[in-house]
N, C-alpha and C. Protein backbone atom coordinates (compact mmCIF):
# COMPACT_ATOMS: atom_id res chain seq x y z
N MET A 1 0.98 -37.55 -19.14
CA MET A 1 0.59 -38.23 -17.79
C MET A 1 1.00 -39.99 -18.29
N ALA A 2 1.65 -40.70 -17.48
CA ALA A 2 1.75 -41.91 -17.63
C ALA A 2 1.44 -43.04 -16.06
N ILE A 3 0.68 -44.08 -16.44
CA ILE A 3 0.03 -44.64 -15.34
C ILE A 3 0.47 -46.20 -16.05
N GLY A 4 1.06 -46.72 -14.71
CA GLY A 4 1.49 -48.15 -15.26
C GLY A 4 1.49 -49.09 -14.03
N TYR A 5 0.99 -50.59 -14.10
CA TYR A 5 1.09 -51.43 -12.91
C TYR A 5 0.29 -50.78 -11.78
N THR A 6 -1.22 -50.68 -12.08
CA THR A 6 -1.66 -50.21 -10.69
C THR A 6 -3.15 -50.74 -10.87
N ILE A 7 -3.83 -50.70 -9.50
CA ILE A 7 -4.95 -51.35 -9.35
C ILE A 7 -5.99 -50.11 -9.01
N PHE A 8 -7.01 -49.82 -9.45
CA PHE A 8 -7.82 -48.73 -9.32
C PHE A 8 -9.12 -49.48 -8.67
N ASN A 9 -9.11 -49.62 -7.53
CA ASN A 9 -10.42 -50.45 -6.91
C ASN A 9 -11.01 -49.89 -5.67
N GLU A 10 -12.22 -49.92 -5.84
CA GLU A 10 -13.46 -49.31 -4.86
C GLU A 10 -13.32 -47.71 -4.53
N ASN A 11 -13.08 -47.19 -5.96
CA ASN A 11 -12.82 -45.73 -5.77
C ASN A 11 -14.68 -45.43 -6.28
N SER A 12 -15.00 -43.88 -5.55
CA SER A 12 -16.16 -43.40 -6.25
C SER A 12 -15.98 -42.26 -6.15
N ALA A 13 -16.90 -41.61 -7.23
CA ALA A 13 -17.04 -40.21 -7.46
C ALA A 13 -18.19 -39.88 -8.19
N GLU A 14 -18.66 -38.71 -8.44
CA GLU A 14 -19.70 -38.29 -8.97
C GLU A 14 -19.79 -38.54 -10.76
N SER A 15 -18.51 -38.30 -10.98
CA SER A 15 -18.28 -38.72 -12.57
C SER A 15 -16.63 -38.98 -12.43
N GLY A 16 -16.54 -40.27 -13.21
CA GLY A 16 -15.13 -40.83 -13.04
C GLY A 16 -14.47 -41.61 -11.92
N GLY A 17 -15.63 -42.76 -11.60
CA GLY A 17 -15.42 -43.25 -10.65
C GLY A 17 -13.60 -43.37 -9.91
N ALA A 18 -12.96 -43.97 -10.89
CA ALA A 18 -11.50 -44.19 -10.60
C ALA A 18 -10.49 -42.97 -11.35
N MET A 19 -10.87 -42.67 -12.36
CA MET A 19 -10.30 -41.81 -12.98
C MET A 19 -10.82 -40.24 -13.50
N ALA A 20 -10.28 -39.18 -14.04
CA ALA A 20 -10.93 -38.52 -14.87
C ALA A 20 -9.98 -37.45 -15.49
N ASN A 21 -9.90 -37.47 -16.87
CA ASN A 21 -9.18 -36.94 -17.32
C ASN A 21 -9.67 -35.90 -18.53
N ALA A 22 -8.84 -34.70 -18.15
CA ALA A 22 -9.48 -33.63 -18.92
C ALA A 22 -8.31 -32.69 -19.60
N GLU A 23 -8.69 -32.83 -21.09
CA GLU A 23 -7.84 -32.14 -21.80
C GLU A 23 -6.44 -32.75 -21.79
N SER A 24 -6.02 -34.06 -21.79
CA SER A 24 -4.93 -34.53 -21.85
C SER A 24 -4.85 -35.89 -22.61
N MET A 25 -3.76 -36.44 -22.59
CA MET A 25 -3.21 -37.56 -23.30
C MET A 25 -2.74 -38.53 -22.61
N ALA A 26 -3.45 -38.98 -21.24
CA ALA A 26 -2.53 -40.16 -20.45
C ALA A 26 -2.09 -41.27 -21.34
N TRP A 27 -1.41 -41.97 -20.78
CA TRP A 27 -0.81 -43.37 -21.13
C TRP A 27 -0.86 -44.21 -19.98
N ILE A 28 -1.51 -45.04 -20.46
CA ILE A 28 -2.12 -46.03 -19.43
C ILE A 28 -1.49 -47.49 -19.67
N VAL A 29 -0.95 -48.10 -18.96
CA VAL A 29 -0.28 -49.56 -19.08
C VAL A 29 -0.43 -50.76 -17.79
N SER A 30 -0.73 -51.54 -18.38
CA SER A 30 -0.90 -52.71 -16.96
C SER A 30 -1.75 -52.40 -16.05
N VAL A 31 -2.83 -52.10 -16.17
CA VAL A 31 -3.61 -51.40 -14.61
C VAL A 31 -4.92 -52.14 -14.67
N ALA A 32 -5.56 -52.44 -14.01
CA ALA A 32 -6.82 -52.81 -13.73
C ALA A 32 -7.74 -52.05 -12.86
N PHE A 33 -8.98 -51.77 -13.81
CA PHE A 33 -10.07 -50.97 -12.98
C PHE A 33 -10.95 -51.90 -12.44
N ASP A 34 -11.20 -52.02 -11.14
CA ASP A 34 -12.02 -53.04 -10.81
C ASP A 34 -13.04 -52.48 -9.64
N ASN A 35 -14.24 -52.62 -9.62
CA ASN A 35 -15.35 -52.25 -8.80
C ASN A 35 -15.50 -50.97 -8.45
N ASN A 36 -14.96 -50.28 -9.38
CA ASN A 36 -15.43 -48.42 -9.18
C ASN A 36 -16.84 -47.83 -9.21
N ASP A 37 -17.35 -46.91 -8.66
CA ASP A 37 -18.48 -46.52 -8.75
C ASP A 37 -18.57 -44.84 -9.21
N ALA A 38 -19.43 -44.48 -10.13
CA ALA A 38 -19.50 -43.42 -10.44
C ALA A 38 -21.35 -42.69 -10.19
N GLY A 39 -21.60 -41.60 -9.55
CA GLY A 39 -22.84 -41.22 -9.34
C GLY A 39 -23.57 -41.28 -10.75
N THR A 40 -22.87 -40.35 -11.68
CA THR A 40 -23.81 -40.13 -13.23
C THR A 40 -22.93 -40.87 -14.41
N SER A 41 -21.76 -40.72 -14.16
CA SER A 41 -21.31 -41.05 -15.56
C SER A 41 -19.43 -41.61 -14.99
N ALA A 42 -19.19 -42.66 -16.07
CA ALA A 42 -18.04 -43.32 -16.09
C ALA A 42 -17.57 -44.17 -14.68
N GLY A 43 -17.95 -45.09 -14.66
CA GLY A 43 -17.73 -46.06 -13.31
C GLY A 43 -16.09 -46.23 -13.37
N GLY A 44 -15.28 -46.40 -14.40
CA GLY A 44 -13.80 -46.27 -14.73
C GLY A 44 -13.40 -45.06 -14.71
N ILE A 45 -13.38 -44.92 -16.32
CA ILE A 45 -12.54 -43.69 -16.61
C ILE A 45 -13.63 -42.59 -17.65
N LEU A 46 -13.34 -41.27 -17.03
CA LEU A 46 -14.32 -40.08 -17.86
C LEU A 46 -13.27 -39.52 -18.73
N ASN A 47 -13.26 -39.27 -19.75
CA ASN A 47 -12.69 -38.76 -20.95
C ASN A 47 -13.37 -37.27 -21.06
N TYR A 48 -12.64 -36.27 -20.86
CA TYR A 48 -13.39 -34.68 -21.29
C TYR A 48 -12.12 -34.32 -22.21
N ARG A 49 -12.50 -34.19 -23.38
CA ARG A 49 -11.56 -33.45 -24.39
C ARG A 49 -10.19 -34.17 -24.09
N SER A 50 -10.35 -35.69 -24.03
CA SER A 50 -9.08 -36.26 -23.82
C SER A 50 -8.94 -37.31 -24.81
N SER A 51 -7.55 -38.02 -25.05
CA SER A 51 -7.29 -38.79 -25.89
C SER A 51 -6.42 -39.89 -25.52
N PRO A 52 -6.68 -40.53 -24.12
CA PRO A 52 -5.46 -41.58 -23.51
C PRO A 52 -5.22 -42.63 -24.26
N GLU A 53 -4.14 -43.31 -24.23
CA GLU A 53 -3.68 -44.61 -24.91
C GLU A 53 -3.76 -45.62 -23.78
N LEU A 54 -4.35 -46.48 -23.85
CA LEU A 54 -4.61 -47.61 -22.81
C LEU A 54 -3.95 -48.91 -23.31
N VAL A 55 -3.10 -49.68 -23.11
CA VAL A 55 -2.50 -50.80 -23.43
C VAL A 55 -2.30 -52.01 -22.32
N ASN A 56 -3.20 -52.87 -22.48
CA ASN A 56 -3.17 -54.09 -21.51
C ASN A 56 -3.73 -53.84 -20.32
N VAL A 57 -5.15 -53.02 -20.30
CA VAL A 57 -5.89 -52.78 -19.39
C VAL A 57 -7.33 -53.90 -19.00
N THR A 58 -7.61 -53.99 -17.81
CA THR A 58 -8.50 -54.63 -17.57
C THR A 58 -9.73 -53.95 -17.03
N PHE A 59 -10.98 -53.89 -17.43
CA PHE A 59 -12.11 -52.96 -16.79
C PHE A 59 -13.20 -54.20 -16.33
N SER A 60 -13.35 -54.15 -14.92
CA SER A 60 -14.46 -55.20 -14.87
C SER A 60 -15.15 -54.57 -13.37
N ARG A 61 -16.49 -55.03 -13.06
CA ARG A 61 -17.16 -54.71 -12.18
C ARG A 61 -17.26 -53.27 -11.71
N ASN A 62 -16.67 -52.00 -12.63
CA ASN A 62 -17.34 -50.89 -12.37
C ASN A 62 -18.58 -50.68 -12.60
N LYS A 63 -19.27 -49.62 -12.21
CA LYS A 63 -20.96 -49.17 -12.20
C LYS A 63 -20.73 -47.62 -12.48
N SER A 64 -21.66 -47.42 -13.44
CA SER A 64 -21.83 -46.07 -13.52
C SER A 64 -23.96 -45.94 -13.42
N GLY A 65 -23.89 -44.76 -12.30
CA GLY A 65 -25.77 -44.47 -12.30
C GLY A 65 -26.16 -43.72 -13.36
N ALA A 66 -25.16 -43.52 -14.54
CA ALA A 66 -25.86 -43.04 -15.73
C ALA A 66 -25.58 -43.56 -17.02
N ASN A 67 -24.15 -43.29 -17.27
CA ASN A 67 -23.33 -43.56 -18.66
C ASN A 67 -22.39 -44.05 -17.98
N GLY A 68 -22.10 -45.03 -19.36
CA GLY A 68 -20.51 -45.52 -19.29
C GLY A 68 -20.04 -46.22 -18.05
N GLY A 69 -20.40 -47.30 -17.98
CA GLY A 69 -19.72 -48.44 -16.99
C GLY A 69 -18.48 -48.49 -16.88
N ALA A 70 -17.75 -48.96 -17.68
CA ALA A 70 -16.23 -48.77 -17.76
C ALA A 70 -15.72 -47.47 -18.20
N MET A 71 -16.19 -46.63 -19.06
CA MET A 71 -15.83 -45.47 -20.05
C MET A 71 -16.78 -44.65 -20.30
N ASP A 72 -16.56 -43.38 -20.21
CA ASP A 72 -17.49 -42.19 -20.89
C ASP A 72 -16.88 -41.36 -21.89
N ASN A 73 -16.78 -41.27 -22.76
CA ASN A 73 -15.90 -40.21 -23.51
C ASN A 73 -16.98 -39.12 -24.10
N THR A 74 -16.58 -38.08 -23.58
CA THR A 74 -17.14 -36.72 -23.99
C THR A 74 -16.33 -35.61 -24.61
N PHE A 75 -16.95 -34.74 -25.42
CA PHE A 75 -16.48 -33.66 -25.78
C PHE A 75 -15.49 -33.97 -26.52
N SER A 76 -15.60 -34.75 -27.56
CA SER A 76 -14.38 -34.78 -28.74
C SER A 76 -13.43 -35.82 -28.38
N SER A 77 -13.31 -36.40 -27.29
CA SER A 77 -12.26 -37.55 -26.84
C SER A 77 -12.32 -38.56 -27.68
N ALA A 78 -11.13 -39.11 -27.94
CA ALA A 78 -10.59 -40.22 -28.62
C ALA A 78 -9.85 -41.20 -28.26
N PRO A 79 -10.13 -41.94 -27.02
CA PRO A 79 -9.29 -43.06 -26.71
C PRO A 79 -9.03 -44.20 -27.39
N SER A 80 -7.84 -44.74 -27.12
CA SER A 80 -7.61 -45.89 -28.17
C SER A 80 -6.88 -47.35 -26.92
N LEU A 81 -7.63 -48.06 -27.12
CA LEU A 81 -7.37 -49.44 -26.41
C LEU A 81 -6.60 -50.36 -27.39
N LEU A 82 -5.94 -50.99 -26.72
CA LEU A 82 -4.82 -51.94 -27.24
C LEU A 82 -4.56 -53.24 -26.14
N ASN A 83 -5.39 -54.54 -26.55
CA ASN A 83 -5.20 -55.39 -26.02
C ASN A 83 -5.90 -55.38 -24.56
N SER A 84 -6.83 -54.97 -24.43
CA SER A 84 -7.43 -54.79 -23.01
C SER A 84 -8.77 -55.25 -23.00
N ILE A 85 -9.39 -55.32 -21.84
CA ILE A 85 -10.50 -56.14 -21.63
C ILE A 85 -11.67 -55.29 -20.95
N LEU A 86 -12.97 -55.32 -21.51
CA LEU A 86 -14.24 -54.49 -20.67
C LEU A 86 -15.17 -55.78 -20.56
N TRP A 87 -15.55 -56.03 -19.73
CA TRP A 87 -16.43 -57.24 -19.29
C TRP A 87 -16.76 -56.86 -17.64
N GLY A 88 -18.34 -56.95 -17.74
CA GLY A 88 -18.40 -57.06 -16.47
C GLY A 88 -19.16 -55.95 -15.64
N ASN A 89 -19.19 -54.73 -16.69
CA ASN A 89 -19.28 -53.52 -16.21
C ASN A 89 -20.82 -52.77 -16.34
N THR A 90 -21.36 -52.23 -15.74
CA THR A 90 -22.77 -52.00 -15.86
C THR A 90 -23.24 -50.50 -15.60
N ALA A 91 -23.99 -49.74 -16.27
CA ALA A 91 -24.26 -48.35 -16.32
C ALA A 91 -25.94 -48.54 -16.37
N VAL A 92 -26.45 -47.62 -15.67
CA VAL A 92 -27.93 -47.37 -15.40
C VAL A 92 -28.70 -47.19 -16.83
N SER A 93 -27.98 -46.07 -17.25
CA SER A 93 -28.72 -45.29 -18.58
C SER A 93 -28.30 -46.12 -19.90
N ASN A 94 -27.17 -45.77 -20.27
CA ASN A 94 -25.98 -46.23 -21.72
C ASN A 94 -24.73 -46.44 -21.41
N GLY A 95 -24.59 -47.85 -22.33
CA GLY A 95 -23.00 -48.09 -22.14
C GLY A 95 -22.59 -48.49 -21.18
N ASN A 96 -22.89 -49.94 -20.93
CA ASN A 96 -22.23 -50.74 -19.89
C ASN A 96 -20.80 -50.90 -19.82
N GLN A 97 -20.38 -51.00 -21.06
CA GLN A 97 -18.90 -50.96 -21.29
C GLN A 97 -18.23 -49.64 -21.60
N ILE A 98 -18.73 -48.89 -22.71
CA ILE A 98 -18.30 -47.73 -23.50
C ILE A 98 -19.64 -46.58 -23.76
N HIS A 99 -19.51 -45.51 -23.19
CA HIS A 99 -20.36 -44.68 -23.58
C HIS A 99 -19.84 -43.67 -24.60
N ASN A 100 -20.12 -43.11 -25.45
CA ASN A 100 -19.52 -41.76 -26.46
C ASN A 100 -20.82 -40.95 -26.81
N THR A 101 -20.47 -39.61 -26.33
CA THR A 101 -21.41 -38.50 -26.98
C THR A 101 -21.11 -38.25 -28.51
N ALA A 102 -21.80 -37.61 -28.75
CA ALA A 102 -21.97 -37.24 -30.46
C ALA A 102 -20.55 -37.20 -31.01
N SER A 103 -19.57 -36.09 -30.58
CA SER A 103 -18.37 -35.83 -30.92
C SER A 103 -17.04 -36.58 -30.65
N SER A 104 -17.45 -37.94 -29.95
CA SER A 104 -16.37 -38.70 -29.67
C SER A 104 -16.19 -40.13 -30.31
N THR A 105 -15.10 -40.27 -30.13
CA THR A 105 -14.81 -41.64 -30.92
C THR A 105 -13.75 -42.82 -30.16
N ALA A 106 -13.79 -43.75 -30.40
CA ALA A 106 -13.00 -44.98 -29.32
C ALA A 106 -12.65 -46.02 -30.53
N ARG A 107 -11.52 -46.41 -30.07
CA ARG A 107 -11.03 -47.36 -31.05
C ARG A 107 -10.48 -48.52 -30.40
N LEU A 108 -11.03 -49.95 -30.49
CA LEU A 108 -10.66 -50.92 -29.81
C LEU A 108 -10.18 -51.72 -30.52
N SER A 109 -8.48 -52.12 -30.38
CA SER A 109 -7.81 -53.24 -31.06
C SER A 109 -7.37 -54.35 -30.35
N TYR A 110 -7.67 -55.35 -30.80
CA TYR A 110 -7.46 -56.71 -30.17
C TYR A 110 -7.54 -56.58 -28.61
N CYS A 111 -9.08 -56.64 -28.50
CA CYS A 111 -9.96 -56.12 -27.17
C CYS A 111 -10.75 -57.40 -27.02
N VAL A 112 -11.09 -57.76 -25.62
CA VAL A 112 -12.15 -58.47 -25.29
C VAL A 112 -13.18 -57.69 -24.90
N TYR A 113 -14.08 -57.44 -25.26
CA TYR A 113 -15.28 -56.50 -24.50
C TYR A 113 -16.76 -57.41 -24.98
N SER A 114 -17.67 -57.22 -23.99
CA SER A 114 -19.13 -57.51 -23.88
C SER A 114 -20.08 -56.93 -25.25
N ASP A 115 -20.63 -57.35 -25.92
CA ASP A 115 -21.47 -56.59 -26.97
C ASP A 115 -22.70 -56.74 -27.30
N GLY A 116 -23.22 -57.20 -25.65
CA GLY A 116 -24.71 -56.96 -25.65
C GLY A 116 -25.44 -56.21 -25.52
N PRO A 117 -26.80 -56.01 -25.80
CA PRO A 117 -27.65 -54.90 -25.83
C PRO A 117 -27.41 -53.97 -24.83
N GLY A 118 -26.73 -52.51 -25.47
CA GLY A 118 -26.55 -51.58 -24.45
C GLY A 118 -24.95 -51.37 -23.92
N ASP A 119 -24.37 -52.56 -24.32
CA ASP A 119 -22.99 -52.50 -23.82
C ASP A 119 -22.02 -51.27 -24.59
N LEU A 120 -22.21 -50.91 -25.76
CA LEU A 120 -21.57 -49.93 -26.26
C LEU A 120 -22.48 -49.28 -26.90
N THR A 121 -22.71 -47.64 -26.32
CA THR A 121 -23.46 -46.90 -27.15
C THR A 121 -22.81 -45.74 -27.46
N MET A 122 -23.08 -45.15 -28.81
CA MET A 122 -22.56 -44.27 -29.24
C MET A 122 -22.85 -43.14 -29.93
N GLY A 123 -22.68 -41.88 -29.69
CA GLY A 123 -23.28 -40.72 -30.58
C GLY A 123 -22.22 -40.63 -31.56
N GLY A 124 -20.95 -40.99 -31.27
CA GLY A 124 -19.99 -40.77 -32.18
C GLY A 124 -19.70 -41.99 -32.71
N SER A 125 -18.60 -42.61 -33.00
CA SER A 125 -18.19 -43.73 -33.29
C SER A 125 -17.34 -44.65 -32.36
N ILE A 126 -17.19 -46.14 -32.63
CA ILE A 126 -16.43 -47.06 -32.19
C ILE A 126 -15.80 -47.86 -32.75
N GLU A 127 -14.67 -47.98 -33.14
CA GLU A 127 -13.79 -48.49 -34.44
C GLU A 127 -13.07 -49.68 -33.83
N VAL A 128 -13.57 -51.03 -34.38
CA VAL A 128 -12.78 -52.38 -33.41
C VAL A 128 -11.93 -52.82 -34.67
N VAL A 129 -11.10 -53.28 -34.40
CA VAL A 129 -9.86 -54.18 -34.94
C VAL A 129 -9.78 -55.68 -34.11
N GLU A 130 -10.11 -56.51 -34.93
CA GLU A 130 -9.70 -57.94 -34.36
C GLU A 130 -9.91 -58.08 -32.93
N ASP A 131 -11.27 -57.72 -32.97
CA ASP A 131 -11.59 -57.97 -31.19
C ASP A 131 -12.32 -59.35 -31.11
N ILE A 132 -12.29 -59.67 -29.95
CA ILE A 132 -13.25 -60.56 -29.11
C ILE A 132 -14.47 -60.60 -28.47
N THR A 133 -15.58 -61.26 -28.65
CA THR A 133 -16.75 -60.84 -27.70
C THR A 133 -17.24 -61.98 -26.83
N GLU A 134 -16.06 -62.75 -26.66
CA GLU A 134 -16.34 -64.16 -25.52
C GLU A 134 -15.86 -63.61 -24.41
N ASP A 135 -16.83 -64.43 -23.32
CA ASP A 135 -16.38 -64.25 -22.18
C ASP A 135 -14.78 -64.19 -21.66
N PRO A 136 -14.11 -63.57 -21.30
CA PRO A 136 -12.44 -63.73 -20.82
C PRO A 136 -12.46 -64.66 -20.22
N ALA A 137 -13.07 -65.24 -19.38
CA ALA A 137 -12.99 -66.33 -18.43
C ALA A 137 -12.02 -65.85 -17.38
N PHE A 138 -12.10 -64.81 -16.43
CA PHE A 138 -11.29 -64.64 -15.52
C PHE A 138 -10.99 -65.85 -14.50
N ALA A 139 -10.17 -65.89 -13.58
CA ALA A 139 -9.58 -67.20 -12.69
C ALA A 139 -11.15 -66.73 -11.71
N ASN A 140 -11.24 -65.82 -11.11
CA ASN A 140 -12.24 -65.71 -10.08
C ASN A 140 -12.50 -64.35 -9.64
N PRO A 141 -13.24 -63.79 -11.04
CA PRO A 141 -13.84 -62.32 -10.64
C PRO A 141 -14.48 -62.04 -9.56
N ASP A 142 -15.39 -62.83 -8.92
CA ASP A 142 -16.12 -62.17 -7.60
C ASP A 142 -15.42 -62.03 -6.76
N ASP A 143 -13.88 -62.51 -6.66
CA ASP A 143 -12.83 -62.41 -5.55
C ASP A 143 -11.89 -61.25 -6.20
N GLY A 144 -12.26 -60.46 -7.36
CA GLY A 144 -11.29 -59.67 -7.97
C GLY A 144 -9.87 -60.18 -8.72
N ASP A 145 -10.03 -61.72 -8.77
CA ASP A 145 -8.77 -61.93 -9.74
C ASP A 145 -9.08 -62.24 -11.17
N PHE A 146 -8.40 -61.37 -11.69
CA PHE A 146 -8.91 -61.22 -13.10
C PHE A 146 -7.61 -61.96 -13.80
N ARG A 147 -6.81 -62.69 -13.63
CA ARG A 147 -6.00 -63.39 -14.18
C ARG A 147 -6.64 -64.16 -15.15
N LEU A 148 -6.10 -64.78 -16.06
CA LEU A 148 -6.85 -65.51 -17.45
C LEU A 148 -6.78 -67.25 -17.02
N SER A 149 -7.96 -67.83 -17.05
CA SER A 149 -8.06 -69.12 -16.65
C SER A 149 -7.39 -69.65 -17.91
N GLU A 150 -7.58 -71.12 -18.04
CA GLU A 150 -6.88 -72.21 -18.89
C GLU A 150 -7.80 -71.90 -20.36
N GLY A 151 -8.92 -71.72 -20.33
CA GLY A 151 -9.82 -71.99 -21.62
C GLY A 151 -9.98 -70.63 -21.94
N SER A 152 -9.45 -69.38 -21.30
CA SER A 152 -9.55 -67.96 -21.91
C SER A 152 -9.36 -67.67 -23.44
N ALA A 153 -10.19 -67.40 -24.11
CA ALA A 153 -9.99 -66.92 -25.51
C ALA A 153 -8.94 -65.61 -25.35
N ALA A 154 -8.76 -64.99 -24.68
CA ALA A 154 -7.80 -63.72 -24.28
C ALA A 154 -6.27 -64.36 -24.37
N ARG A 155 -6.20 -65.72 -24.02
CA ARG A 155 -4.97 -66.22 -23.98
C ARG A 155 -4.18 -66.08 -25.90
N ASP A 156 -2.57 -65.86 -25.58
CA ASP A 156 -2.12 -65.61 -26.93
C ASP A 156 -3.01 -64.91 -28.23
N ALA A 157 -3.94 -63.98 -27.80
CA ALA A 157 -4.68 -63.23 -28.51
C ALA A 157 -4.31 -62.02 -28.75
N GLY A 158 -3.45 -60.96 -28.23
CA GLY A 158 -3.07 -59.89 -28.46
C GLY A 158 -2.50 -59.70 -29.95
N ASP A 159 -2.36 -58.07 -29.95
CA ASP A 159 -1.83 -57.75 -31.07
C ASP A 159 -0.21 -58.08 -31.48
N PRO A 160 0.30 -59.21 -32.36
CA PRO A 160 1.42 -59.56 -32.53
C PRO A 160 2.65 -58.57 -32.56
N ALA A 161 1.95 -57.31 -33.04
CA ALA A 161 2.76 -56.09 -33.28
C ALA A 161 3.19 -55.37 -32.05
N THR A 162 2.50 -55.59 -30.90
CA THR A 162 2.76 -54.70 -29.52
C THR A 162 4.37 -54.40 -29.15
N ALA A 163 4.67 -53.38 -28.95
CA ALA A 163 6.02 -53.21 -28.52
C ALA A 163 6.39 -53.66 -27.18
N PRO A 164 7.30 -54.46 -27.32
CA PRO A 164 7.47 -55.20 -25.39
C PRO A 164 7.91 -53.79 -24.85
N ASP A 165 8.60 -52.93 -25.36
CA ASP A 165 9.29 -51.86 -24.52
C ASP A 165 8.40 -50.93 -23.58
N VAL A 166 7.04 -50.98 -24.31
CA VAL A 166 5.88 -50.31 -22.95
C VAL A 166 5.86 -50.91 -21.80
N PHE A 167 6.43 -52.12 -21.47
CA PHE A 167 5.98 -52.67 -20.32
C PHE A 167 7.59 -52.79 -19.44
N GLU A 168 7.30 -52.70 -18.00
CA GLU A 168 8.11 -53.17 -17.28
C GLU A 168 8.94 -54.20 -17.43
N GLU A 169 10.39 -54.37 -17.08
CA GLU A 169 10.86 -55.54 -17.50
C GLU A 169 11.51 -56.31 -15.96
N ASP A 170 11.85 -57.56 -16.17
CA ASP A 170 12.52 -58.46 -15.28
C ASP A 170 13.99 -58.14 -15.30
N GLU A 171 14.73 -58.71 -14.35
CA GLU A 171 16.30 -58.21 -14.14
C GLU A 171 16.93 -58.82 -15.57
N ASN A 172 16.18 -59.79 -16.18
CA ASN A 172 16.70 -60.02 -17.68
C ASN A 172 16.35 -59.37 -18.51
N GLY A 173 15.87 -58.15 -18.63
CA GLY A 173 15.36 -57.51 -19.50
C GLY A 173 14.09 -57.72 -20.13
N ASP A 174 13.05 -58.70 -19.92
CA ASP A 174 12.19 -59.27 -20.29
C ASP A 174 10.74 -58.60 -19.84
N PRO A 175 10.06 -58.67 -20.80
CA PRO A 175 8.61 -57.62 -20.25
C PRO A 175 7.92 -58.46 -19.41
N ILE A 176 7.43 -57.95 -18.80
CA ILE A 176 6.48 -58.46 -17.34
C ILE A 176 5.23 -57.87 -17.55
N ASP A 177 4.12 -58.93 -16.76
CA ASP A 177 2.86 -58.55 -16.75
C ASP A 177 2.68 -57.68 -15.25
N PHE A 178 1.28 -57.88 -14.74
CA PHE A 178 1.09 -56.78 -13.61
C PHE A 178 1.48 -58.03 -12.39
N ASP A 179 1.35 -58.88 -12.62
CA ASP A 179 1.92 -60.22 -11.51
C ASP A 179 3.18 -60.31 -11.73
N GLY A 180 4.29 -59.80 -12.44
CA GLY A 180 5.69 -59.95 -12.48
C GLY A 180 6.02 -60.92 -13.40
N ASN A 181 4.94 -61.62 -14.08
CA ASN A 181 4.89 -62.84 -14.83
C ASN A 181 5.70 -62.58 -16.52
N ALA A 182 6.25 -63.41 -17.22
CA ALA A 182 6.59 -62.97 -18.32
C ALA A 182 5.24 -62.40 -19.01
N ARG A 183 5.46 -61.28 -20.04
CA ARG A 183 4.34 -60.47 -20.49
C ARG A 183 3.67 -61.35 -21.96
N ILE A 184 4.93 -61.61 -22.36
CA ILE A 184 4.67 -62.26 -23.91
C ILE A 184 5.00 -63.96 -23.58
N THR A 185 4.03 -64.76 -23.91
CA THR A 185 4.40 -66.34 -23.87
C THR A 185 3.82 -66.96 -25.07
N ASN A 186 4.55 -68.21 -25.47
CA ASN A 186 4.20 -68.75 -26.53
C ASN A 186 4.25 -68.01 -27.73
N GLY A 187 5.32 -67.07 -27.64
CA GLY A 187 5.45 -65.96 -28.83
C GLY A 187 4.47 -64.88 -29.20
N ARG A 188 3.23 -64.69 -28.17
CA ARG A 188 2.34 -63.85 -28.72
C ARG A 188 1.72 -63.20 -27.23
N ILE A 189 1.49 -61.86 -27.09
CA ILE A 189 1.19 -61.31 -25.84
C ILE A 189 -0.33 -61.62 -25.50
N TYR A 190 -0.58 -61.70 -24.39
CA TYR A 190 -2.19 -61.87 -23.94
C TYR A 190 -2.82 -60.55 -23.81
N ILE A 191 -4.26 -60.79 -23.95
CA ILE A 191 -5.02 -59.64 -23.60
C ILE A 191 -5.36 -59.34 -22.01
N GLY A 192 -5.35 -58.14 -21.83
CA GLY A 192 -5.66 -57.74 -20.29
C GLY A 192 -4.35 -57.63 -19.64
N ALA A 193 -4.78 -57.21 -18.32
CA ALA A 193 -3.75 -56.62 -17.31
C ALA A 193 -2.79 -57.76 -16.99
N TYR A 194 -3.40 -58.64 -16.88
CA TYR A 194 -2.77 -60.37 -16.11
C TYR A 194 -2.59 -61.37 -17.49
N GLU A 195 -1.27 -61.98 -17.37
CA GLU A 195 -1.41 -63.27 -18.23
C GLU A 195 -2.10 -64.63 -17.66
N TYR A 196 -1.66 -65.55 -18.15
CA TYR A 196 -2.76 -66.61 -17.77
C TYR A 196 -2.31 -67.02 -16.12
N GLY A 197 -3.42 -67.37 -15.32
CA GLY A 197 -3.16 -67.35 -13.97
C GLY A 197 -2.80 -68.87 -13.78
N GLY A 198 -2.60 -69.94 -14.53
CA GLY A 198 -2.00 -71.31 -14.14
C GLY A 198 -0.23 -71.57 -14.80
N SER A 199 -0.31 -72.64 -14.61
CA SER A 199 1.08 -73.09 -15.27
C SER A 199 0.64 -73.73 -16.77
N GLU A 200 1.80 -73.38 -17.65
CA GLU A 200 1.91 -73.77 -19.33
C GLU A 200 1.82 -75.30 -19.06
């Protein structure tokens, strides 16, 4: 299953407010998960025996009534997140950003995430590689604008080895972001679904 260039906004479910993956390996590119709500687990994505790959994805304002504000990983799930943002998500019980059960793992590479008390909770493990824990400085998150402002630490901070062919292209064959802007500027990809929201 491949999902790209989509906004999941204001969805609700008992588990997996926006998406529930079961025994699958979804490919998710340039997607924003905003303001979704789960009654018990995973305001954004619930993974059950699943190992999705997420590239340049933004999670914000998702809510869970129990575990995993952005993501809840269960039953040996092993998601991989690259160049992605998890910020401003909330869970009543455990894991505002990510919750792992004992058998699950998660890998965050070149991501921006909040690492306050209770943000990442794990029975299994979470591997982090070249990650940033500063506020991503969204342009106007209260209004659902998750483009990056001028001072964002996520600018020019993605994995320099990111393959450009995973993204949609413009008429010139150049990779683009969610808004149709150049996906790579200043020689390096940004973190999140959107590039910088202003002018260079």
